[in-house]
């Protein structure tokens, strides 16, 4: 009887050590699970996304819209890692000219080889090369912008928010058109233009909506 009692006690002690050791490893295991990165890909919704443009000249300004063709965002733990999108040049519109003839003339000129040459270069493309996250939802985004087959680096601040399965991105940037061989009526390339000068810089106001895949 004494031997049996001793064996039972030994078994109980061993079991208690085993349970204790298991309990100690559980928090570590749970902690390890928390460090697994959550990666998501978001596809741009070209129906709800929009880009506004603004260009100025000596005697005034014009503004309008242009549509996104496609794009993707790659996110890790709700932090933006990479992004790319394409702009459909053929969709450019003007919204400030109310006279149909003047409006058509301006839009046709913008689509012609004088400006963006949408027939030969139907898309403008942007691909990120560096993304630096700031506070909250603020980012500094750097990447390569290709217009008319010419690529230049651009950098701009942006606000990017991820909520459940939706991503929104908003940014404003200024682009020097002459870097993309769009020199029509630029005072840096033509003399004696007077009030016919069209300024080199134009602005883009980007508002993108993307859905998780």
N, C-alpha and C. Protein backbone atom coordinates (compact mmCIF):
# COMPACT_ATOMS: atom_id res chain seq x y z
N UNK A 1 0.82 -1.20 0.00
CA UNK A 1 0.00 0.00 0.00
C UNK A 1 0.86 1.25 0.00
N UNK A 2 1.91 1.20 0.80
CA UNK A 2 2.79 2.36 0.87
C UNK A 2 3.44 2.64 -0.47
N UNK A 3 3.83 1.55 -1.19
CA UNK A 3 4.46 1.70 -2.51
C UNK A 3 3.48 2.31 -3.50
N UNK A 4 2.23 1.82 -3.45
CA UNK A 4 1.21 2.36 -4.36
C UNK A 4 0.96 3.83 -4.09
N UNK A 5 0.91 4.19 -2.82
CA UNK A 5 0.69 5.60 -2.46
C UNK A 5 1.81 6.48 -2.97
N UNK A 6 3.02 5.95 -2.86
CA UNK A 6 4.18 6.71 -3.35
C UNK A 6 4.12 6.91 -4.85
N UNK A 7 3.72 5.88 -5.58
CA UNK A 7 3.60 5.97 -7.04
C UNK A 7 2.54 6.98 -7.45
N UNK A 8 1.41 6.93 -6.76
CA UNK A 8 0.31 7.87 -7.07
C UNK A 8 0.76 9.30 -6.83
N UNK A 9 1.46 9.53 -5.74
CA UNK A 9 1.94 10.88 -5.42
C UNK A 9 2.91 11.38 -6.48
N UNK A 10 3.79 10.49 -6.95
CA UNK A 10 4.77 10.86 -7.97
C UNK A 10 4.08 11.24 -9.27
N UNK A 11 3.05 10.45 -9.62
CA UNK A 11 2.30 10.74 -10.85
C UNK A 11 1.62 12.09 -10.76
N UNK A 12 1.00 12.38 -9.61
CA UNK A 12 0.29 13.66 -9.42
C UNK A 12 1.26 14.84 -9.50
N UNK A 13 2.44 14.68 -8.89
CA UNK A 13 3.44 15.75 -8.92
C UNK A 13 3.91 16.01 -10.34
N UNK A 14 4.16 14.93 -11.09
CA UNK A 14 4.61 15.07 -12.49
C UNK A 14 3.54 15.75 -13.33
N UNK A 15 2.29 15.37 -13.09
CA UNK A 15 1.18 15.96 -13.85
C UNK A 15 1.06 17.45 -13.57
N UNK A 16 1.25 17.83 -12.29
CA UNK A 16 1.13 19.24 -11.94
C UNK A 16 2.22 20.06 -12.60
N UNK A 17 3.44 19.51 -12.68
CA UNK A 17 4.54 20.21 -13.36
C UNK A 17 4.23 20.36 -14.84
N UNK A 18 3.64 19.34 -15.43
CA UNK A 18 3.32 19.36 -16.86
C UNK A 18 2.29 20.43 -17.17
N UNK A 19 1.24 20.52 -16.34
CA UNK A 19 0.20 21.54 -16.53
C UNK A 19 0.77 22.92 -16.34
N UNK A 20 1.63 23.08 -15.31
CA UNK A 20 2.25 24.37 -15.04
C UNK A 20 3.09 24.84 -16.22
N UNK A 21 3.87 23.92 -16.79
CA UNK A 21 4.73 24.26 -17.93
C UNK A 21 3.90 24.64 -19.13
N UNK A 22 2.79 23.90 -19.33
CA UNK A 22 1.92 24.21 -20.47
C UNK A 22 1.31 25.59 -20.33
N UNK A 23 0.85 25.93 -19.11
CA UNK A 23 0.26 27.24 -18.87
C UNK A 23 1.25 28.36 -19.11
N UNK A 24 2.52 28.11 -18.78
CA UNK A 24 3.53 29.15 -18.97
C UNK A 24 3.82 29.40 -20.44
N UNK A 25 3.65 28.39 -21.27
CA UNK A 25 3.95 28.56 -22.70
C UNK A 25 2.79 29.16 -23.47
N UNK A 26 1.58 29.10 -22.92
CA UNK A 26 0.41 29.62 -23.64
C UNK A 26 0.51 31.11 -23.94
N UNK A 27 0.85 31.96 -22.94
CA UNK A 27 0.96 33.39 -23.25
C UNK A 27 1.98 33.68 -24.33
N UNK A 28 3.10 32.97 -24.31
CA UNK A 28 4.14 33.18 -25.32
C UNK A 28 3.62 32.82 -26.69
N UNK A 29 2.84 31.73 -26.76
CA UNK A 29 2.28 31.32 -28.05
C UNK A 29 1.30 32.36 -28.55
N UNK A 30 0.44 32.85 -27.63
CA UNK A 30 -0.52 33.88 -28.02
C UNK A 30 0.19 35.14 -28.48
N UNK A 31 1.26 35.49 -27.78
CA UNK A 31 2.03 36.67 -28.14
C UNK A 31 2.64 36.53 -29.53
N UNK A 32 3.11 35.34 -29.85
CA UNK A 32 3.71 35.09 -31.16
C UNK A 32 2.67 35.25 -32.26
N UNK A 33 1.44 34.82 -32.01
CA UNK A 33 0.37 34.93 -33.00
C UNK A 33 0.10 36.39 -33.34
N UNK A 34 0.17 37.26 -32.34
CA UNK A 34 -0.11 38.68 -32.55
C UNK A 34 0.87 39.33 -33.51
N UNK A 35 2.06 38.77 -33.66
CA UNK A 35 3.08 39.37 -34.50
C UNK A 35 2.98 38.95 -35.96
N UNK A 36 2.03 38.08 -36.28
CA UNK A 36 1.85 37.69 -37.67
C UNK A 36 1.28 38.86 -38.45
N UNK A 37 1.95 39.27 -39.52
CA UNK A 37 1.54 40.44 -40.29
C UNK A 37 0.26 40.16 -41.06
N UNK A 38 -0.63 41.14 -41.05
CA UNK A 38 -1.86 41.06 -41.83
C UNK A 38 -1.66 41.84 -43.12
N UNK A 39 -1.61 41.14 -44.23
CA UNK A 39 -1.39 41.79 -45.51
C UNK A 39 -2.68 41.79 -46.33
N UNK A 40 -2.96 42.94 -46.96
CA UNK A 40 -4.15 43.08 -47.78
C UNK A 40 -3.82 43.80 -49.08
N UNK A 41 -4.54 43.45 -50.12
CA UNK A 41 -4.45 44.15 -51.40
C UNK A 41 -5.79 44.81 -51.68
N UNK A 42 -5.74 46.09 -52.04
CA UNK A 42 -6.94 46.85 -52.35
C UNK A 42 -6.93 47.26 -53.82
N UNK A 43 -8.05 47.10 -54.47
CA UNK A 43 -8.17 47.48 -55.88
C UNK A 43 -8.97 48.77 -55.99
N UNK A 44 -8.47 49.71 -56.78
CA UNK A 44 -9.11 51.01 -56.94
C UNK A 44 -10.47 50.86 -57.61
N UNK A 45 -11.46 51.53 -57.05
CA UNK A 45 -12.80 51.59 -57.65
C UNK A 45 -12.82 52.81 -58.58
N UNK A 46 -12.77 52.59 -59.88
CA UNK A 46 -12.68 53.72 -60.80
C UNK A 46 -14.00 54.44 -61.01
N UNK A 47 -15.07 53.93 -60.40
CA UNK A 47 -16.36 54.61 -60.50
C UNK A 47 -16.53 55.68 -59.42
N UNK A 48 -15.96 55.42 -58.25
CA UNK A 48 -16.10 56.38 -57.15
C UNK A 48 -14.84 57.22 -56.93
N UNK A 49 -13.72 56.79 -57.49
CA UNK A 49 -12.48 57.57 -57.40
C UNK A 49 -12.53 58.72 -58.40
N UNK A 50 -11.80 59.80 -58.09
CA UNK A 50 -11.81 60.94 -59.01
C UNK A 50 -10.52 61.75 -58.88
N UNK A 51 -10.20 62.43 -59.96
CA UNK A 51 -9.06 63.34 -59.97
C UNK A 51 -9.51 64.66 -60.59
N UNK A 52 -9.25 65.74 -59.88
CA UNK A 52 -9.52 67.06 -60.42
C UNK A 52 -8.22 67.71 -60.86
N UNK A 53 -8.27 68.52 -61.92
CA UNK A 53 -7.07 69.22 -62.39
C UNK A 53 -7.33 70.72 -62.47
N UNK A 54 -6.27 71.48 -62.33
CA UNK A 54 -6.34 72.94 -62.42
C UNK A 54 -5.09 73.44 -63.12
N UNK A 55 -5.30 74.22 -64.20
CA UNK A 55 -4.18 74.80 -64.95
C UNK A 55 -4.42 76.30 -65.09
N UNK A 56 -3.34 77.07 -64.99
CA UNK A 56 -3.47 78.53 -65.02
C UNK A 56 -2.71 79.13 -66.20
N UNK A 57 -3.21 80.26 -66.64
CA UNK A 57 -2.57 81.03 -67.70
C UNK A 57 -2.56 82.49 -67.30
N UNK A 58 -1.95 83.34 -68.12
CA UNK A 58 -1.80 84.75 -67.76
C UNK A 58 -3.15 85.44 -67.59
N UNK A 59 -4.14 85.00 -68.32
CA UNK A 59 -5.45 85.67 -68.30
C UNK A 59 -6.52 84.91 -67.52
N UNK A 60 -6.16 83.85 -66.83
CA UNK A 60 -7.17 83.11 -66.07
C UNK A 60 -6.76 81.69 -65.78
N UNK A 61 -7.73 80.81 -65.70
CA UNK A 61 -7.46 79.41 -65.39
C UNK A 61 -8.58 78.52 -65.92
N UNK A 62 -8.27 77.23 -66.00
CA UNK A 62 -9.27 76.23 -66.37
C UNK A 62 -9.16 75.06 -65.41
N UNK A 63 -10.27 74.39 -65.19
CA UNK A 63 -10.25 73.21 -64.33
C UNK A 63 -11.24 72.17 -64.82
N UNK A 64 -10.98 70.94 -64.43
CA UNK A 64 -11.84 69.85 -64.86
C UNK A 64 -11.53 68.57 -64.13
N UNK A 65 -11.93 67.47 -64.74
CA UNK A 65 -11.75 66.16 -64.12
C UNK A 65 -11.11 65.18 -65.09
N UNK A 66 -10.59 64.11 -64.53
CA UNK A 66 -10.03 63.02 -65.32
C UNK A 66 -10.18 61.74 -64.50
N UNK A 67 -10.41 60.62 -65.17
CA UNK A 67 -10.73 59.39 -64.46
C UNK A 67 -9.53 58.47 -64.26
N UNK A 68 -9.62 57.71 -63.17
CA UNK A 68 -8.65 56.65 -62.91
C UNK A 68 -9.01 55.44 -63.78
N UNK A 69 -8.00 54.83 -64.35
CA UNK A 69 -8.23 53.61 -65.13
C UNK A 69 -8.22 52.38 -64.22
N UNK A 70 -7.16 52.24 -63.44
CA UNK A 70 -7.04 51.12 -62.51
C UNK A 70 -5.93 51.43 -61.51
N UNK A 71 -5.82 50.59 -60.50
CA UNK A 71 -4.77 50.79 -59.50
C UNK A 71 -4.90 49.81 -58.35
N UNK A 72 -3.81 49.64 -57.61
CA UNK A 72 -3.81 48.76 -56.44
C UNK A 72 -3.01 49.38 -55.30
N UNK A 73 -3.39 49.04 -54.09
CA UNK A 73 -2.66 49.42 -52.88
C UNK A 73 -2.34 48.15 -52.11
N UNK A 74 -1.13 48.05 -51.61
CA UNK A 74 -0.74 46.93 -50.76
C UNK A 74 -0.52 47.44 -49.34
N UNK A 75 -1.20 46.81 -48.40
CA UNK A 75 -1.23 47.27 -47.01
C UNK A 75 -0.80 46.15 -46.08
N UNK A 76 -0.04 46.50 -45.06
CA UNK A 76 0.38 45.54 -44.04
C UNK A 76 0.05 46.10 -42.67
N UNK A 77 -0.80 45.39 -41.93
CA UNK A 77 -1.25 45.86 -40.61
C UNK A 77 -1.80 47.28 -40.68
N UNK A 78 -2.61 47.53 -41.71
CA UNK A 78 -3.26 48.83 -41.93
C UNK A 78 -2.30 49.96 -42.27
N UNK A 79 -1.07 49.63 -42.63
CA UNK A 79 -0.08 50.63 -43.04
C UNK A 79 0.23 50.44 -44.53
N UNK A 80 0.14 51.53 -45.29
CA UNK A 80 0.40 51.46 -46.73
C UNK A 80 1.86 51.13 -47.01
N UNK A 81 2.08 50.15 -47.89
CA UNK A 81 3.44 49.73 -48.24
C UNK A 81 3.79 50.07 -49.69
N UNK A 82 2.91 49.79 -50.63
CA UNK A 82 3.14 50.12 -52.03
C UNK A 82 1.83 50.53 -52.68
N UNK A 83 1.94 51.25 -53.80
CA UNK A 83 0.74 51.67 -54.52
C UNK A 83 1.09 51.93 -55.98
N UNK A 84 0.11 51.77 -56.82
CA UNK A 84 0.26 52.15 -58.23
C UNK A 84 -1.12 52.42 -58.82
N UNK A 85 -1.17 53.33 -59.77
CA UNK A 85 -2.43 53.57 -60.46
C UNK A 85 -2.18 54.18 -61.83
N UNK A 86 -3.18 54.06 -62.69
CA UNK A 86 -3.11 54.61 -64.04
C UNK A 86 -4.26 55.59 -64.26
N UNK A 87 -3.97 56.65 -64.99
CA UNK A 87 -4.96 57.67 -65.31
C UNK A 87 -5.34 57.55 -66.78
N UNK A 88 -6.63 57.57 -67.05
CA UNK A 88 -7.14 57.46 -68.42
C UNK A 88 -7.19 58.85 -69.05
N UNK A 89 -6.17 59.18 -69.84
CA UNK A 89 -6.05 60.52 -70.42
C UNK A 89 -7.24 60.86 -71.32
N UNK A 90 -7.81 59.87 -71.96
CA UNK A 90 -8.92 60.13 -72.90
C UNK A 90 -10.18 60.62 -72.21
N UNK A 91 -10.25 60.52 -70.88
CA UNK A 91 -11.45 60.93 -70.15
C UNK A 91 -11.38 62.37 -69.64
N UNK A 92 -10.34 63.10 -69.99
CA UNK A 92 -10.18 64.46 -69.47
C UNK A 92 -11.35 65.35 -69.89
N UNK A 93 -11.86 66.14 -68.95
CA UNK A 93 -12.97 67.05 -69.22
C UNK A 93 -12.66 68.42 -68.63
N UNK A 94 -13.36 69.42 -69.12
CA UNK A 94 -13.30 70.77 -68.55
C UNK A 94 -14.67 71.09 -67.97
N UNK A 95 -14.70 71.74 -66.80
CA UNK A 95 -15.98 72.04 -66.17
C UNK A 95 -16.23 73.54 -65.98
N UNK A 96 -15.28 74.38 -66.38
CA UNK A 96 -15.48 75.82 -66.17
C UNK A 96 -16.03 76.54 -67.40
N UNK A 97 -15.83 75.99 -68.59
CA UNK A 97 -16.32 76.63 -69.81
C UNK A 97 -17.74 76.15 -70.10
N UNK A 98 -18.68 77.07 -70.08
CA UNK A 98 -20.08 76.71 -70.29
C UNK A 98 -20.49 76.72 -71.75
N UNK A 99 -19.72 77.41 -72.59
CA UNK A 99 -20.00 77.41 -74.02
C UNK A 99 -19.53 76.08 -74.62
N UNK A 100 -20.43 75.30 -75.22
CA UNK A 100 -20.05 73.97 -75.73
C UNK A 100 -18.91 74.00 -76.74
N UNK A 101 -18.92 74.99 -77.63
CA UNK A 101 -17.88 75.06 -78.66
C UNK A 101 -16.51 75.32 -78.04
N UNK A 102 -16.45 76.26 -77.09
CA UNK A 102 -15.19 76.57 -76.43
C UNK A 102 -14.71 75.39 -75.58
N UNK A 103 -15.67 74.73 -74.94
CA UNK A 103 -15.33 73.57 -74.12
C UNK A 103 -14.74 72.46 -74.97
N UNK A 104 -15.40 72.16 -76.08
CA UNK A 104 -14.90 71.11 -76.98
C UNK A 104 -13.52 71.44 -77.53
N UNK A 105 -13.31 72.72 -77.84
CA UNK A 105 -12.03 73.15 -78.39
C UNK A 105 -10.90 72.93 -77.38
N UNK A 106 -11.16 73.31 -76.13
CA UNK A 106 -10.13 73.14 -75.09
C UNK A 106 -9.83 71.66 -74.85
N UNK A 107 -10.87 70.86 -74.70
CA UNK A 107 -10.67 69.43 -74.43
C UNK A 107 -9.94 68.76 -75.59
N UNK A 108 -10.30 69.12 -76.81
CA UNK A 108 -9.63 68.55 -77.98
C UNK A 108 -8.16 68.92 -78.01
N UNK A 109 -7.86 70.16 -77.61
CA UNK A 109 -6.47 70.61 -77.56
C UNK A 109 -5.68 69.85 -76.50
N UNK A 110 -6.30 69.64 -75.35
CA UNK A 110 -5.63 68.90 -74.27
C UNK A 110 -5.33 67.45 -74.67
N UNK A 111 -6.22 66.87 -75.48
CA UNK A 111 -6.02 65.49 -75.92
C UNK A 111 -5.07 65.38 -77.11
N UNK A 112 -4.81 66.50 -77.77
CA UNK A 112 -3.97 66.48 -78.97
C UNK A 112 -2.49 66.36 -78.61
N UNK A 113 -1.64 66.22 -79.64
CA UNK A 113 -0.20 66.10 -79.39
C UNK A 113 0.43 67.41 -78.92
N UNK A 114 -0.35 68.49 -78.93
CA UNK A 114 0.13 69.74 -78.35
C UNK A 114 0.29 69.61 -76.84
N UNK A 115 -0.59 68.80 -76.25
CA UNK A 115 -0.53 68.58 -74.81
C UNK A 115 -0.27 67.10 -74.50
N UNK A 116 -1.32 66.34 -74.19
CA UNK A 116 -1.11 64.98 -73.65
C UNK A 116 -1.10 63.87 -74.70
N UNK A 117 -1.52 64.17 -75.91
CA UNK A 117 -1.48 63.19 -77.01
C UNK A 117 -2.10 61.85 -76.58
N UNK A 118 -3.40 61.91 -76.23
CA UNK A 118 -4.07 60.72 -75.70
C UNK A 118 -4.18 59.59 -76.72
N UNK A 119 -4.12 59.92 -78.01
CA UNK A 119 -4.17 58.88 -79.02
C UNK A 119 -2.95 57.98 -78.97
N UNK A 120 -1.79 58.57 -78.75
CA UNK A 120 -0.53 57.81 -78.70
C UNK A 120 -0.21 57.34 -77.29
N UNK A 121 -0.59 58.16 -76.30
CA UNK A 121 -0.29 57.83 -74.90
C UNK A 121 -1.60 57.88 -74.11
N UNK A 122 -2.40 56.83 -74.16
CA UNK A 122 -3.73 56.85 -73.54
C UNK A 122 -3.74 56.87 -72.02
N UNK A 123 -2.61 56.51 -71.40
CA UNK A 123 -2.56 56.46 -69.95
C UNK A 123 -1.34 57.19 -69.39
N UNK A 124 -1.51 57.70 -68.18
CA UNK A 124 -0.39 58.18 -67.38
C UNK A 124 -0.29 57.24 -66.18
N UNK A 125 0.92 56.84 -65.82
CA UNK A 125 1.10 55.82 -64.78
C UNK A 125 1.92 56.35 -63.61
N UNK A 126 1.54 55.90 -62.42
CA UNK A 126 2.30 56.24 -61.21
C UNK A 126 2.59 54.97 -60.42
N UNK A 127 3.86 54.82 -59.98
CA UNK A 127 4.29 53.68 -59.17
C UNK A 127 5.14 54.19 -58.01
N UNK A 128 4.83 53.78 -56.81
CA UNK A 128 5.59 54.24 -55.65
C UNK A 128 6.99 53.62 -55.60
N UNK A 129 7.93 54.41 -55.11
CA UNK A 129 9.28 53.91 -54.85
C UNK A 129 9.63 54.03 -53.37
N UNK A 130 8.93 54.90 -52.66
CA UNK A 130 9.17 55.09 -51.22
C UNK A 130 7.90 55.61 -50.56
N UNK A 131 7.57 55.03 -49.42
CA UNK A 131 6.42 55.49 -48.64
C UNK A 131 6.87 55.64 -47.19
N UNK A 132 6.74 56.85 -46.66
CA UNK A 132 7.13 57.12 -45.28
C UNK A 132 5.89 57.51 -44.50
N UNK A 133 5.59 56.74 -43.46
CA UNK A 133 4.41 57.03 -42.65
C UNK A 133 4.72 58.06 -41.58
N UNK A 134 3.85 59.03 -41.46
CA UNK A 134 3.97 60.03 -40.42
C UNK A 134 3.00 59.73 -39.30
N UNK A 135 2.51 60.76 -38.65
CA UNK A 135 1.55 60.57 -37.57
C UNK A 135 0.16 60.28 -38.13
N UNK A 136 -0.60 59.54 -37.36
CA UNK A 136 -1.97 59.19 -37.73
C UNK A 136 -2.03 58.58 -39.12
N UNK A 137 -2.76 59.20 -40.02
CA UNK A 137 -2.96 58.64 -41.37
C UNK A 137 -2.15 59.39 -42.43
N UNK A 138 -1.14 60.13 -41.98
CA UNK A 138 -0.37 60.95 -42.91
C UNK A 138 0.84 60.18 -43.46
N UNK A 139 1.10 60.40 -44.75
CA UNK A 139 2.23 59.75 -45.42
C UNK A 139 2.95 60.74 -46.32
N UNK A 140 4.22 60.47 -46.56
CA UNK A 140 4.96 61.14 -47.63
C UNK A 140 5.24 60.08 -48.69
N UNK A 141 4.68 60.30 -49.86
CA UNK A 141 4.77 59.30 -50.93
C UNK A 141 5.68 59.80 -52.04
N UNK A 142 6.59 58.97 -52.46
CA UNK A 142 7.50 59.27 -53.57
C UNK A 142 7.37 58.16 -54.60
N UNK A 143 7.39 58.56 -55.86
CA UNK A 143 7.27 57.55 -56.90
C UNK A 143 7.59 58.08 -58.27
N UNK A 144 7.39 57.24 -59.26
CA UNK A 144 7.68 57.59 -60.65
C UNK A 144 6.38 57.83 -61.41
N UNK A 145 6.27 59.03 -61.96
CA UNK A 145 5.10 59.41 -62.75
C UNK A 145 5.49 59.45 -64.22
N UNK A 146 4.78 58.68 -65.03
CA UNK A 146 5.06 58.62 -66.46
C UNK A 146 3.92 59.25 -67.25
N UNK A 147 4.25 60.28 -68.02
CA UNK A 147 3.30 60.96 -68.90
C UNK A 147 3.94 61.08 -70.27
N UNK A 148 3.22 60.69 -71.30
CA UNK A 148 3.73 60.73 -72.68
C UNK A 148 5.03 59.94 -72.83
N UNK A 149 5.15 58.86 -72.08
CA UNK A 149 6.33 58.01 -72.17
C UNK A 149 7.55 58.55 -71.45
N UNK A 150 7.40 59.67 -70.76
CA UNK A 150 8.52 60.29 -70.03
C UNK A 150 8.28 60.12 -68.53
N UNK A 151 9.30 59.66 -67.82
CA UNK A 151 9.16 59.36 -66.40
C UNK A 151 9.99 60.32 -65.55
N UNK A 152 9.34 60.88 -64.53
CA UNK A 152 10.02 61.74 -63.56
C UNK A 152 9.59 61.35 -62.16
N UNK A 153 10.46 61.64 -61.20
CA UNK A 153 10.13 61.36 -59.80
C UNK A 153 9.29 62.51 -59.23
N UNK A 154 8.26 62.16 -58.48
CA UNK A 154 7.44 63.14 -57.79
C UNK A 154 7.29 62.71 -56.34
N UNK A 155 7.10 63.68 -55.46
CA UNK A 155 6.91 63.40 -54.05
C UNK A 155 5.83 64.32 -53.51
N UNK A 156 4.95 63.78 -52.67
CA UNK A 156 3.83 64.59 -52.19
C UNK A 156 3.26 64.00 -50.90
N UNK A 157 2.63 64.84 -50.07
CA UNK A 157 1.96 64.33 -48.87
C UNK A 157 0.61 63.73 -49.23
N UNK A 158 0.19 62.75 -48.45
CA UNK A 158 -1.10 62.10 -48.70
C UNK A 158 -1.71 61.64 -47.39
N UNK A 159 -3.02 61.51 -47.41
CA UNK A 159 -3.75 60.94 -46.28
C UNK A 159 -4.35 59.62 -46.73
N UNK A 160 -4.01 58.55 -46.04
CA UNK A 160 -4.49 57.21 -46.41
C UNK A 160 -5.13 56.57 -45.19
N UNK A 161 -6.38 56.15 -45.34
CA UNK A 161 -7.11 55.53 -44.23
C UNK A 161 -7.63 54.16 -44.65
N UNK A 162 -7.47 53.19 -43.75
CA UNK A 162 -7.98 51.84 -43.99
C UNK A 162 -9.02 51.53 -42.93
N UNK A 163 -10.24 51.26 -43.37
CA UNK A 163 -11.32 50.91 -42.46
C UNK A 163 -11.99 49.64 -42.95
N UNK A 164 -11.84 48.58 -42.17
CA UNK A 164 -12.38 47.28 -42.56
C UNK A 164 -11.86 46.89 -43.94
N UNK A 165 -12.74 46.82 -44.93
CA UNK A 165 -12.34 46.37 -46.26
C UNK A 165 -12.29 47.51 -47.27
N UNK A 166 -12.16 48.73 -46.79
CA UNK A 166 -12.12 49.88 -47.70
C UNK A 166 -10.92 50.76 -47.39
N UNK A 167 -10.30 51.28 -48.44
CA UNK A 167 -9.17 52.20 -48.31
C UNK A 167 -9.51 53.49 -49.05
N UNK A 168 -9.20 54.62 -48.42
CA UNK A 168 -9.35 55.92 -49.08
C UNK A 168 -8.01 56.63 -49.07
N UNK A 169 -7.68 57.28 -50.16
CA UNK A 169 -6.42 58.01 -50.28
C UNK A 169 -6.70 59.38 -50.90
N UNK A 170 -6.17 60.42 -50.26
CA UNK A 170 -6.34 61.78 -50.76
C UNK A 170 -5.00 62.49 -50.82
N UNK A 171 -4.77 63.18 -51.92
CA UNK A 171 -3.48 63.87 -52.09
C UNK A 171 -3.64 65.02 -53.07
N UNK A 172 -2.78 66.02 -52.91
CA UNK A 172 -2.70 67.13 -53.85
C UNK A 172 -1.24 67.27 -54.26
N UNK A 173 -1.02 67.41 -55.56
CA UNK A 173 0.35 67.59 -56.02
C UNK A 173 0.40 68.52 -57.22
N UNK A 174 1.55 69.15 -57.39
CA UNK A 174 1.78 70.07 -58.49
C UNK A 174 2.80 69.46 -59.43
N UNK A 175 2.50 69.53 -60.73
CA UNK A 175 3.36 68.91 -61.74
C UNK A 175 3.81 69.95 -62.75
N UNK A 176 5.09 69.92 -63.08
CA UNK A 176 5.65 70.79 -64.12
C UNK A 176 5.48 70.08 -65.47
N UNK A 177 4.57 70.58 -66.29
CA UNK A 177 4.25 69.91 -67.56
C UNK A 177 5.44 69.87 -68.52
N UNK A 178 6.34 70.84 -68.42
CA UNK A 178 7.45 70.89 -69.37
C UNK A 178 8.42 69.72 -69.18
N UNK A 179 8.41 69.11 -67.99
CA UNK A 179 9.25 67.93 -67.76
C UNK A 179 8.77 66.72 -68.55
N UNK A 180 7.55 66.84 -69.08
CA UNK A 180 6.97 65.76 -69.88
C UNK A 180 6.78 66.20 -71.34
N UNK A 181 7.63 67.13 -71.74
CA UNK A 181 7.65 67.62 -73.12
C UNK A 181 6.32 68.25 -73.54
N UNK A 182 5.66 68.91 -72.60
CA UNK A 182 4.45 69.69 -72.90
C UNK A 182 4.84 71.15 -72.73
N UNK A 183 5.28 71.77 -73.80
CA UNK A 183 5.90 73.10 -73.72
C UNK A 183 5.07 74.20 -74.37
N UNK A 184 3.90 73.89 -74.85
CA UNK A 184 3.06 74.85 -75.56
C UNK A 184 2.83 76.12 -74.72
N UNK A 185 3.21 77.26 -75.29
CA UNK A 185 3.05 78.59 -74.67
C UNK A 185 3.70 78.69 -73.29
N UNK A 186 4.80 77.99 -73.11
CA UNK A 186 5.58 78.13 -71.87
C UNK A 186 6.57 79.27 -72.05
N UNK A 187 6.59 80.19 -71.11
CA UNK A 187 7.49 81.34 -71.22
C UNK A 187 8.95 80.93 -71.07
N UNK A 188 9.20 79.72 -70.59
CA UNK A 188 10.56 79.23 -70.46
C UNK A 188 11.11 78.66 -71.76
N UNK A 189 10.24 78.52 -72.75
CA UNK A 189 10.66 77.97 -74.04
C UNK A 189 10.30 78.87 -75.23
N UNK A 190 9.39 79.81 -75.01
CA UNK A 190 8.97 80.71 -76.09
C UNK A 190 9.01 82.16 -75.60
N UNK A 191 9.40 83.05 -76.50
CA UNK A 191 9.49 84.47 -76.16
C UNK A 191 8.29 85.24 -76.70
N UNK A 192 8.10 86.42 -76.13
CA UNK A 192 7.09 87.37 -76.61
C UNK A 192 5.68 86.77 -76.65
N UNK A 193 5.35 86.01 -75.65
CA UNK A 193 4.01 85.41 -75.60
C UNK A 193 2.97 86.37 -75.04
N UNK A 194 3.42 87.36 -74.29
CA UNK A 194 2.48 88.32 -73.72
C UNK A 194 1.46 87.64 -72.82
N UNK A 195 0.17 87.99 -73.04
CA UNK A 195 -0.88 87.41 -72.21
C UNK A 195 -1.33 86.02 -72.68
N UNK A 196 -0.59 85.46 -73.63
CA UNK A 196 -0.92 84.11 -74.10
C UNK A 196 -0.15 83.02 -73.33
N UNK A 197 0.60 83.44 -72.34
CA UNK A 197 1.39 82.48 -71.55
C UNK A 197 0.48 81.50 -70.81
N UNK A 198 0.86 80.22 -70.88
CA UNK A 198 0.25 79.18 -70.05
C UNK A 198 1.32 78.73 -69.06
N UNK A 199 1.01 78.80 -67.78
CA UNK A 199 2.02 78.48 -66.77
C UNK A 199 2.39 77.00 -66.80
N UNK A 200 3.64 76.74 -66.43
CA UNK A 200 4.17 75.38 -66.53
C UNK A 200 3.52 74.40 -65.56
N UNK A 201 3.22 74.87 -64.36
CA UNK A 201 2.68 73.98 -63.33
C UNK A 201 1.17 73.78 -63.47
N UNK A 202 0.73 72.56 -63.25
CA UNK A 202 -0.70 72.31 -63.08
C UNK A 202 -0.90 71.43 -61.85
N UNK A 203 -2.08 71.54 -61.26
CA UNK A 203 -2.36 70.86 -59.99
C UNK A 203 -3.31 69.69 -60.18
N UNK A 204 -3.08 68.64 -59.40
CA UNK A 204 -3.97 67.49 -59.36
C UNK A 204 -4.51 67.33 -57.94
N UNK A 205 -5.80 67.13 -57.84
CA UNK A 205 -6.46 66.86 -56.56
C UNK A 205 -7.01 65.44 -56.63
N UNK A 206 -6.34 64.52 -55.96
CA UNK A 206 -6.61 63.09 -56.11
C UNK A 206 -7.42 62.56 -54.93
N UNK A 207 -8.50 61.86 -55.25
CA UNK A 207 -9.33 61.22 -54.23
C UNK A 207 -9.65 59.80 -54.70
N UNK A 208 -9.01 58.82 -54.07
CA UNK A 208 -9.15 57.43 -54.51
C UNK A 208 -9.87 56.59 -53.46
N UNK A 209 -10.69 55.69 -53.96
CA UNK A 209 -11.38 54.72 -53.11
C UNK A 209 -11.02 53.33 -53.62
N UNK A 210 -10.64 52.43 -52.71
CA UNK A 210 -10.23 51.08 -53.12
C UNK A 210 -10.86 50.05 -52.19
N UNK A 211 -11.16 48.89 -52.74
CA UNK A 211 -11.80 47.82 -51.98
C UNK A 211 -10.87 46.62 -51.82
N UNK A 212 -10.95 45.97 -50.66
CA UNK A 212 -10.10 44.81 -50.38
C UNK A 212 -10.44 43.66 -51.31
N UNK A 213 -9.40 42.93 -51.70
CA UNK A 213 -9.59 41.79 -52.60
C UNK A 213 -9.54 40.48 -51.83
